[in-house]
Amino acid sequence: MPVTPPLEHSHTPEEIASRLSDGPRISYLRDWVYGGIDGTVTTFAIVAGAAGAELSNRYLLILGAANLLADGFSMAAANYSGTKAEIEEYIHIRDMEKRHIELEPDGEREEVRQIFAGKGFKGTMLDQAVDIITEQHERWIDTMMTEEHGLPPVSRSPLRAGMLTFIAFVVCGFLPIAPFIIGIKASLSASVVMAGLTFFLIGSMRSRWSPVKWWYAGSETLIIGLASAAVAYLVGDFLRQIV
């Protein structure tokens, strides 16, 4: 007999009221996963490429450190700009909806009516739903933002998103080159183990917020990461032979 997993939160009236009063929770998981995977892939690709080209540890560490900081900052800046662009888009569309409601209220009411009719509201219930939503402009705009444009009611912080991407990139990207810095014997083998473990752990983290099993998500990320490193190794080996 299958075991029913426990519910994530209580459903008492008091707990529901408390949870809803806090508003939607903002997740920065994708920023951490994005930065962590890219940092590990990029740095380990440098290790693999340097190994394929038979470069000395000195060059490997120079390339790895330069990439760790420069590419990490680039990733963070790109995520900061992308997140800020999302917020600017949200503000632009919200101002547009506000202007449309002021200048063409009948047309906007019809949009609300069709949206809720599509949800199954009919007759008097549909009329009441439209009246309740459109009697208050902020509520009306909020409804159009989520129902018509599919935009979330909360915005992520660009600075926090960028910082988390940078931290994840540097922390996870450091692990594949750590054996060379410490001076471990068989550094390449140790680097492969560290990178593989990092790929698997980052992928496994997704399972907490995903229906995918932890071992499947971890294995998927591991395969993608090692495949990227294998390409870098082959390219390095090829260039070593022709140069």
C-alpha atoms as a PDB file:
ATOM      1  CA  MET A   1       0.000   0.000   0.000  1.00  0.00           C
ATOM      2  CA  PRO A   2       1.535   3.341  -1.034  1.00  0.00           C
ATOM      3  CA  VAL A   3       2.480   5.741   1.746  1.00  0.00           C
ATOM      4  CA  THR A   4       0.860   9.163   1.522  1.00  0.00           C
ATOM      5  CA  PRO A   5       3.518  11.881   1.929  1.00  0.00           C
ATOM      6  CA  PRO A   6       2.906  14.445   4.680  1.00  0.00           C
ATOM      7  CA  LEU A   7       1.369  17.768   3.733  1.00  0.00           C
ATOM      8  CA  GLU A   8       3.730  20.719   3.451  1.00  0.00           C
ATOM      9  CA  HIS A   9       1.646  22.980   5.702  1.00  0.00           C
ATOM     10  CA  SER A  10      -1.394  23.027   7.976  1.00  0.00           C
ATOM     11  CA  HIS A  11      -4.876  23.950   6.763  1.00  0.00           C
ATOM     12  CA  THR A  12      -6.471  25.296   9.923  1.00  0.00           C
ATOM     13  CA  PRO A  13      -8.192  28.678   9.460  1.00  0.00           C
ATOM     14  CA  GLU A  14      -5.571  30.364  11.649  1.00  0.00           C
ATOM     15  CA  GLU A  15      -2.636  28.861   9.765  1.00  0.00           C
ATOM     16  CA  ILE A  16      -4.177  29.737   6.412  1.00  0.00           C
ATOM     17  CA  ALA A  17      -4.806  33.347   7.479  1.00  0.00           C
ATOM     18  CA  SER A  18      -1.236  33.679   8.771  1.00  0.00           C
ATOM     19  CA  ARG A  19       0.270  32.180   5.625  1.00  0.00           C
ATOM     20  CA  LEU A  20      -1.772  34.343   3.257  1.00  0.00           C
ATOM     21  CA  SER A  21      -1.023  37.498   5.248  1.00  0.00           C
ATOM     22  CA  ASP A  22       2.693  36.946   4.615  1.00  0.00           C
ATOM     23  CA  GLY A  23       2.082  37.064   0.862  1.00  0.00           C
ATOM     24  CA  PRO A  24       3.694  34.888  -1.831  1.00  0.00           C
ATOM     25  CA  ARG A  25       7.188  33.610  -1.108  1.00  0.00           C
ATOM     26  CA  ILE A  26       9.964  34.659  -3.457  1.00  0.00           C
ATOM     27  CA  SER A  27      12.305  31.864  -4.518  1.00  0.00           C
ATOM     28  CA  TYR A  28      15.910  32.394  -5.574  1.00  0.00           C
ATOM     29  CA  LEU A  29      16.543  28.706  -6.155  1.00  0.00           C
ATOM     30  CA  ARG A  30      17.030  29.118  -9.892  1.00  0.00           C
ATOM     31  CA  ASP A  31      19.711  31.775  -9.325  1.00  0.00           C
ATOM     32  CA  TRP A  32      21.685  29.413  -7.080  1.00  0.00           C
ATOM     33  CA  VAL A  33      21.259  26.408  -9.392  1.00  0.00           C
ATOM     34  CA  TYR A  34      22.041  28.522 -12.462  1.00  0.00           C
ATOM     35  CA  GLY A  35      25.225  29.941 -10.970  1.00  0.00           C
ATOM     36  CA  GLY A  36      26.327  26.673  -9.369  1.00  0.00           C
ATOM     37  CA  ILE A  37      25.952  24.541 -12.474  1.00  0.00           C
ATOM     38  CA  ASP A  38      27.551  27.107 -14.761  1.00  0.00           C
ATOM     39  CA  GLY A  39      30.442  27.684 -12.362  1.00  0.00           C
ATOM     40  CA  THR A  40      31.160  23.973 -12.030  1.00  0.00           C
ATOM     41  CA  VAL A  41      30.781  23.281 -15.752  1.00  0.00           C
ATOM     42  CA  THR A  42      32.952  26.214 -16.815  1.00  0.00           C
ATOM     43  CA  THR A  43      35.748  25.639 -14.307  1.00  0.00           C
ATOM     44  CA  PHE A  44      35.809  21.880 -14.755  1.00  0.00           C
ATOM     45  CA  ALA A  45      35.826  22.387 -18.515  1.00  0.00           C
ATOM     46  CA  ILE A  46      38.990  24.448 -18.080  1.00  0.00           C
ATOM     47  CA  VAL A  47      40.516  21.654 -15.988  1.00  0.00           C
ATOM     48  CA  ALA A  48      39.551  19.053 -18.576  1.00  0.00           C
ATOM     49  CA  GLY A  49      40.707  21.186 -21.486  1.00  0.00           C
ATOM     50  CA  ALA A  50      44.022  21.922 -19.794  1.00  0.00           C
ATOM     51  CA  ALA A  51      44.478  18.228 -19.058  1.00  0.00           C
ATOM     52  CA  GLY A  52      43.714  17.349 -22.669  1.00  0.00           C
ATOM     53  CA  ALA A  53      46.234  19.925 -23.867  1.00  0.00           C
ATOM     54  CA  GLU A  54      48.727  18.744 -21.224  1.00  0.00           C
ATOM     55  CA  LEU A  55      49.183  22.217 -19.778  1.00  0.00           C
ATOM     56  CA  SER A  56      51.043  22.631 -16.505  1.00  0.00           C
ATOM     57  CA  ASN A  57      49.189  23.130 -13.221  1.00  0.00           C
ATOM     58  CA  ARG A  58      50.421  26.716 -13.169  1.00  0.00           C
ATOM     59  CA  TYR A  59      48.542  27.609 -16.357  1.00  0.00           C
ATOM     60  CA  LEU A  60      45.548  25.607 -15.220  1.00  0.00           C
ATOM     61  CA  LEU A  61      45.303  27.570 -11.977  1.00  0.00           C
ATOM     62  CA  ILE A  62      45.740  30.908 -13.755  1.00  0.00           C
ATOM     63  CA  LEU A  63      42.976  30.086 -16.228  1.00  0.00           C
ATOM     64  CA  GLY A  64      40.739  28.652 -13.524  1.00  0.00           C
ATOM     65  CA  ALA A  65      41.110  31.613 -11.151  1.00  0.00           C
ATOM     66  CA  ALA A  66      40.644  34.175 -13.915  1.00  0.00           C
ATOM     67  CA  ASN A  67      37.523  32.410 -15.125  1.00  0.00           C
ATOM     68  CA  LEU A  68      36.168  31.979 -11.611  1.00  0.00           C
ATOM     69  CA  LEU A  69      36.127  35.716 -10.932  1.00  0.00           C
ATOM     70  CA  ALA A  70      35.609  37.198 -14.392  1.00  0.00           C
ATOM     71  CA  ASP A  71      32.936  34.790 -15.613  1.00  0.00           C
ATOM     72  CA  GLY A  72      31.302  34.716 -12.184  1.00  0.00           C
ATOM     73  CA  PHE A  73      30.965  38.494 -12.229  1.00  0.00           C
ATOM     74  CA  SER A  74      29.706  38.378 -15.806  1.00  0.00           C
ATOM     75  CA  MET A  75      27.052  35.816 -14.882  1.00  0.00           C
ATOM     76  CA  ALA A  76      25.970  37.863 -11.875  1.00  0.00           C
ATOM     77  CA  ALA A  77      25.770  41.057 -13.934  1.00  0.00           C
ATOM     78  CA  ALA A  78      23.734  39.308 -16.619  1.00  0.00           C
ATOM     79  CA  ASN A  79      21.315  37.880 -14.050  1.00  0.00           C
ATOM     80  CA  TYR A  80      21.045  41.287 -12.345  1.00  0.00           C
ATOM     81  CA  SER A  81      20.237  42.966 -15.671  1.00  0.00           C
ATOM     82  CA  GLY A  82      17.803  40.236 -16.697  1.00  0.00           C
ATOM     83  CA  THR A  83      15.934  40.372 -13.385  1.00  0.00           C
ATOM     84  CA  LYS A  84      15.806  44.162 -13.535  1.00  0.00           C
ATOM     85  CA  ALA A  85      14.426  43.958 -17.070  1.00  0.00           C
ATOM     86  CA  GLU A  86      11.640  41.679 -15.792  1.00  0.00           C
ATOM     87  CA  ILE A  87      10.714  44.278 -13.167  1.00  0.00           C
ATOM     88  CA  GLU A  88      10.770  47.075 -15.747  1.00  0.00           C
ATOM     89  CA  GLU A  89       8.542  44.999 -18.026  1.00  0.00           C
ATOM     90  CA  TYR A  90       6.115  44.442 -15.146  1.00  0.00           C
ATOM     91  CA  ILE A  91       5.973  48.189 -14.391  1.00  0.00           C
ATOM     92  CA  HIS A  92       5.464  49.013 -18.079  1.00  0.00           C
ATOM     93  CA  ILE A  93       2.577  46.555 -18.473  1.00  0.00           C
ATOM     94  CA  ARG A  94       1.009  47.648 -15.189  1.00  0.00           C
ATOM     95  CA  ASP A  95       1.069  51.294 -16.299  1.00  0.00           C
ATOM     96  CA  MET A  96      -0.477  50.205 -19.607  1.00  0.00           C
ATOM     97  CA  GLU A  97      -3.315  48.383 -17.847  1.00  0.00           C
ATOM     98  CA  LYS A  98      -3.914  51.353 -15.571  1.00  0.00           C
ATOM     99  CA  ARG A  99      -4.158  53.639 -18.614  1.00  0.00           C
ATOM    100  CA  HIS A 100      -6.508  51.255 -20.436  1.00  0.00           C
ATOM    101  CA  ILE A 101      -8.818  51.004 -17.422  1.00  0.00           C
ATOM    102  CA  GLU A 102      -8.996  54.784 -17.205  1.00  0.00           C
ATOM    103  CA  LEU A 103      -9.562  55.352 -20.943  1.00  0.00           C
ATOM    104  CA  GLU A 104     -11.482  52.212 -21.979  1.00  0.00           C
ATOM    105  CA  PRO A 105     -13.160  50.795 -18.836  1.00  0.00           C
ATOM    106  CA  ASP A 106     -15.938  48.995 -20.739  1.00  0.00           C
ATOM    107  CA  GLY A 107     -13.446  47.090 -22.875  1.00  0.00           C
ATOM    108  CA  GLU A 108     -11.400  46.154 -19.824  1.00  0.00           C
ATOM    109  CA  ARG A 109     -14.528  44.967 -17.998  1.00  0.00           C
ATOM    110  CA  GLU A 110     -15.296  42.759 -20.970  1.00  0.00           C
ATOM    111  CA  GLU A 111     -11.806  41.262 -20.716  1.00  0.00           C
ATOM    112  CA  VAL A 112     -12.460  40.418 -17.053  1.00  0.00           C
ATOM    113  CA  ARG A 113     -15.826  38.935 -17.981  1.00  0.00           C
ATOM    114  CA  GLN A 114     -14.330  36.677 -20.654  1.00  0.00           C
ATOM    115  CA  ILE A 115     -11.479  35.594 -18.398  1.00  0.00           C
ATOM    116  CA  PHE A 116     -13.824  34.460 -15.641  1.00  0.00           C
ATOM    117  CA  ALA A 117     -16.323  33.005 -18.069  1.00  0.00           C
ATOM    118  CA  GLY A 118     -13.463  30.826 -19.246  1.00  0.00           C
ATOM    119  CA  LYS A 119     -13.035  29.683 -15.636  1.00  0.00           C
ATOM    120  CA  GLY A 120     -16.632  28.485 -15.507  1.00  0.00           C
ATOM    121  CA  PHE A 121     -18.429  31.475 -13.992  1.00  0.00           C
ATOM    122  CA  LYS A 122     -21.936  32.018 -15.416  1.00  0.00           C
ATOM    123  CA  GLY A 123     -24.959  34.254 -15.055  1.00  0.00           C
ATOM    124  CA  THR A 124     -25.323  36.127 -11.777  1.00  0.00           C
ATOM    125  CA  MET A 125     -22.118  34.676 -10.346  1.00  0.00           C
ATOM    126  CA  LEU A 126     -20.175  35.972 -13.344  1.00  0.00           C
ATOM    127  CA  ASP A 127     -21.744  39.429 -13.018  1.00  0.00           C
ATOM    128  CA  GLN A 128     -20.900  39.549  -9.302  1.00  0.00           C
ATOM    129  CA  ALA A 129     -17.313  38.452  -9.917  1.00  0.00           C
ATOM    130  CA  VAL A 130     -16.825  41.154 -12.537  1.00  0.00           C
ATOM    131  CA  ASP A 131     -18.394  43.819 -10.292  1.00  0.00           C
ATOM    132  CA  ILE A 132     -16.253  42.872  -7.281  1.00  0.00           C
ATOM    133  CA  ILE A 133     -13.008  42.842  -9.252  1.00  0.00           C
ATOM    134  CA  THR A 134     -13.632  46.080 -11.155  1.00  0.00           C
ATOM    135  CA  GLU A 135     -14.940  48.141  -8.229  1.00  0.00           C
ATOM    136  CA  GLN A 136     -11.385  48.721  -7.005  1.00  0.00           C
ATOM    137  CA  HIS A 137      -8.723  49.751  -9.527  1.00  0.00           C
ATOM    138  CA  GLU A 138      -5.707  48.157  -7.827  1.00  0.00           C
ATOM    139  CA  ARG A 139      -7.541  44.845  -7.539  1.00  0.00           C
ATOM    140  CA  TRP A 140      -8.621  45.185 -11.154  1.00  0.00           C
ATOM    141  CA  ILE A 141      -5.058  45.838 -12.323  1.00  0.00           C
ATOM    142  CA  ASP A 142      -3.674  42.969 -10.207  1.00  0.00           C
ATOM    143  CA  THR A 143      -6.190  40.618 -11.795  1.00  0.00           C
ATOM    144  CA  MET A 144      -5.260  41.655 -15.322  1.00  0.00           C
ATOM    145  CA  MET A 145      -1.550  41.303 -14.578  1.00  0.00           C
ATOM    146  CA  THR A 146      -1.884  37.705 -13.482  1.00  0.00           C
ATOM    147  CA  GLU A 147      -4.818  36.506 -15.599  1.00  0.00           C
ATOM    148  CA  GLU A 148      -4.179  38.297 -18.894  1.00  0.00           C
ATOM    149  CA  HIS A 149      -0.397  38.676 -18.902  1.00  0.00           C
ATOM    150  CA  GLY A 150       0.626  35.759 -16.678  1.00  0.00           C
ATOM    151  CA  LEU A 151       2.960  37.903 -14.582  1.00  0.00           C
ATOM    152  CA  PRO A 152       3.600  37.042 -10.904  1.00  0.00           C
ATOM    153  CA  PRO A 153       2.366  39.409  -8.185  1.00  0.00           C
ATOM    154  CA  VAL A 154       5.828  39.612  -6.569  1.00  0.00           C
ATOM    155  CA  SER A 155       9.191  40.627  -7.978  1.00  0.00           C
ATOM    156  CA  ARG A 156      12.615  39.228  -7.169  1.00  0.00           C
ATOM    157  CA  SER A 157      15.415  41.550  -6.072  1.00  0.00           C
ATOM    158  CA  PRO A 158      17.918  42.048  -8.938  1.00  0.00           C
ATOM    159  CA  LEU A 159      20.756  42.627  -6.468  1.00  0.00           C
ATOM    160  CA  ARG A 160      19.996  39.491  -4.460  1.00  0.00           C
ATOM    161  CA  ALA A 161      19.573  37.410  -7.613  1.00  0.00           C
ATOM    162  CA  GLY A 162      22.913  38.626  -8.965  1.00  0.00           C
ATOM    163  CA  MET A 163      24.725  38.104  -5.663  1.00  0.00           C
ATOM    164  CA  LEU A 164      23.412  34.560  -5.227  1.00  0.00           C
ATOM    165  CA  THR A 165      24.445  33.694  -8.779  1.00  0.00           C
ATOM    166  CA  PHE A 166      27.962  35.037  -8.144  1.00  0.00           C
ATOM    167  CA  ILE A 167      28.337  33.244  -4.794  1.00  0.00           C
ATOM    168  CA  ALA A 168      27.078  29.942  -6.233  1.00  0.00           C
ATOM    169  CA  PHE A 169      29.356  30.310  -9.255  1.00  0.00           C
ATOM    170  CA  VAL A 170      32.467  30.963  -7.158  1.00  0.00           C
ATOM    171  CA  VAL A 171      31.755  28.364  -4.453  1.00  0.00           C
ATOM    172  CA  CYS A 172      30.813  25.535  -6.813  1.00  0.00           C
ATOM    173  CA  GLY A 173      33.320  26.552  -9.477  1.00  0.00           C
ATOM    174  CA  PHE A 174      36.151  26.514  -6.944  1.00  0.00           C
ATOM    175  CA  LEU A 175      35.714  22.826  -6.114  1.00  0.00           C
ATOM    176  CA  PRO A 176      37.081  21.359  -9.404  1.00  0.00           C
ATOM    177  CA  ILE A 177      40.324  23.357  -9.095  1.00  0.00           C
ATOM    178  CA  ALA A 178      40.682  22.895  -5.327  1.00  0.00           C
ATOM    179  CA  PRO A 179      42.725  19.657  -5.669  1.00  0.00           C
ATOM    180  CA  PHE A 180      45.301  21.493  -7.805  1.00  0.00           C
ATOM    181  CA  ILE A 181      45.549  24.366  -5.310  1.00  0.00           C
ATOM    182  CA  ILE A 182      45.961  22.000  -2.360  1.00  0.00           C
ATOM    183  CA  GLY A 183      48.434  19.891  -4.300  1.00  0.00           C
ATOM    184  CA  ILE A 184      46.665  16.552  -3.977  1.00  0.00           C
ATOM    185  CA  LYS A 185      48.273  13.655  -5.828  1.00  0.00           C
ATOM    186  CA  ALA A 186      46.205  12.539  -8.797  1.00  0.00           C
ATOM    187  CA  SER A 187      44.654  16.022  -8.849  1.00  0.00           C
ATOM    188  CA  LEU A 188      42.778  15.378 -12.092  1.00  0.00           C
ATOM    189  CA  SER A 189      41.019  12.318 -10.655  1.00  0.00           C
ATOM    190  CA  ALA A 190      40.180  14.256  -7.494  1.00  0.00           C
ATOM    191  CA  SER A 191      38.853  17.111  -9.625  1.00  0.00           C
ATOM    192  CA  VAL A 192      36.599  14.717 -11.547  1.00  0.00           C
ATOM    193  CA  VAL A 193      35.201  13.359  -8.272  1.00  0.00           C
ATOM    194  CA  MET A 194      34.645  16.859  -6.833  1.00  0.00           C
ATOM    195  CA  ALA A 195      32.959  18.106 -10.000  1.00  0.00           C
ATOM    196  CA  GLY A 196      30.782  15.013 -10.304  1.00  0.00           C
ATOM    197  CA  LEU A 197      29.700  15.273  -6.671  1.00  0.00           C
ATOM    198  CA  THR A 198      28.911  18.974  -7.110  1.00  0.00           C
ATOM    199  CA  PHE A 199      26.870  18.340 -10.251  1.00  0.00           C
ATOM    200  CA  PHE A 200      24.909  15.605  -8.512  1.00  0.00           C
ATOM    201  CA  LEU A 201      24.219  17.643  -5.349  1.00  0.00           C
ATOM    202  CA  ILE A 202      23.101  20.728  -7.290  1.00  0.00           C
ATOM    203  CA  GLY A 203      20.793  18.618  -9.427  1.00  0.00           C
ATOM    204  CA  SER A 204      19.430  16.823  -6.376  1.00  0.00           C
ATOM    205  CA  MET A 205      18.498  20.164  -4.804  1.00  0.00           C
ATOM    206  CA  ARG A 206      15.905  20.643  -7.546  1.00  0.00           C
ATOM    207  CA  SER A 207      13.890  17.676  -6.294  1.00  0.00           C
ATOM    208  CA  ARG A 208      12.803  19.641  -3.224  1.00  0.00           C
ATOM    209  CA  TRP A 209      10.783  21.969  -5.469  1.00  0.00           C
ATOM    210  CA  SER A 210      10.168  19.546  -8.321  1.00  0.00           C
ATOM    211  CA  PRO A 211       8.179  16.335  -8.882  1.00  0.00           C
ATOM    212  CA  VAL A 212      11.358  14.764 -10.294  1.00  0.00           C
ATOM    213  CA  LYS A 213      13.059  12.208  -8.019  1.00  0.00           C
ATOM    214  CA  TRP A 214      16.249  13.445  -6.336  1.00  0.00           C
ATOM    215  CA  TRP A 215      18.423  10.746  -7.839  1.00  0.00           C
ATOM    216  CA  TYR A 216      17.069  11.398 -11.347  1.00  0.00           C
ATOM    217  CA  ALA A 217      17.564  15.171 -11.123  1.00  0.00           C
ATOM    218  CA  GLY A 218      21.067  14.657  -9.739  1.00  0.00           C
ATOM    219  CA  SER A 219      22.002  12.120 -12.392  1.00  0.00           C
ATOM    220  CA  GLU A 220      20.668  14.353 -15.180  1.00  0.00           C
ATOM    221  CA  THR A 221      22.800  17.290 -14.054  1.00  0.00           C
ATOM    222  CA  LEU A 222      25.799  14.994 -13.579  1.00  0.00           C
ATOM    223  CA  ILE A 223      25.541  13.680 -17.142  1.00  0.00           C
ATOM    224  CA  ILE A 224      25.186  17.186 -18.607  1.00  0.00           C
ATOM    225  CA  GLY A 225      28.169  18.467 -16.656  1.00  0.00           C
ATOM    226  CA  LEU A 226      30.466  15.549 -17.454  1.00  0.00           C
ATOM    227  CA  ALA A 227      29.459  15.695 -21.121  1.00  0.00           C
ATOM    228  CA  SER A 228      30.504  19.361 -21.234  1.00  0.00           C
ATOM    229  CA  ALA A 229      33.826  18.503 -19.623  1.00  0.00           C
ATOM    230  CA  ALA A 230      34.370  15.624 -22.064  1.00  0.00           C
ATOM    231  CA  VAL A 231      33.912  18.018 -24.997  1.00  0.00           C
ATOM    232  CA  ALA A 232      36.444  20.416 -23.459  1.00  0.00           C
ATOM    233  CA  TYR A 233      38.920  17.577 -22.920  1.00  0.00           C
ATOM    234  CA  LEU A 234      38.613  16.377 -26.518  1.00  0.00           C
ATOM    235  CA  VAL A 235      39.028  19.906 -27.868  1.00  0.00           C
ATOM    236  CA  GLY A 236      42.130  20.425 -25.744  1.00  0.00           C
ATOM    237  CA  ASP A 237      43.576  17.097 -26.853  1.00  0.00           C
ATOM    238  CA  PHE A 238      42.824  17.889 -30.509  1.00  0.00           C
ATOM    239  CA  LEU A 239      44.464  21.328 -30.335  1.00  0.00           C
ATOM    240  CA  ARG A 240      47.530  19.845 -28.625  1.00  0.00           C
ATOM    241  CA  GLN A 241      48.021  17.500 -31.550  1.00  0.00           C
ATOM    242  CA  ILE A 242      47.664  20.069 -34.328  1.00  0.00           C
ATOM    243  CA  VAL A 243      49.460  23.053 -32.767  1.00  0.00           C
END
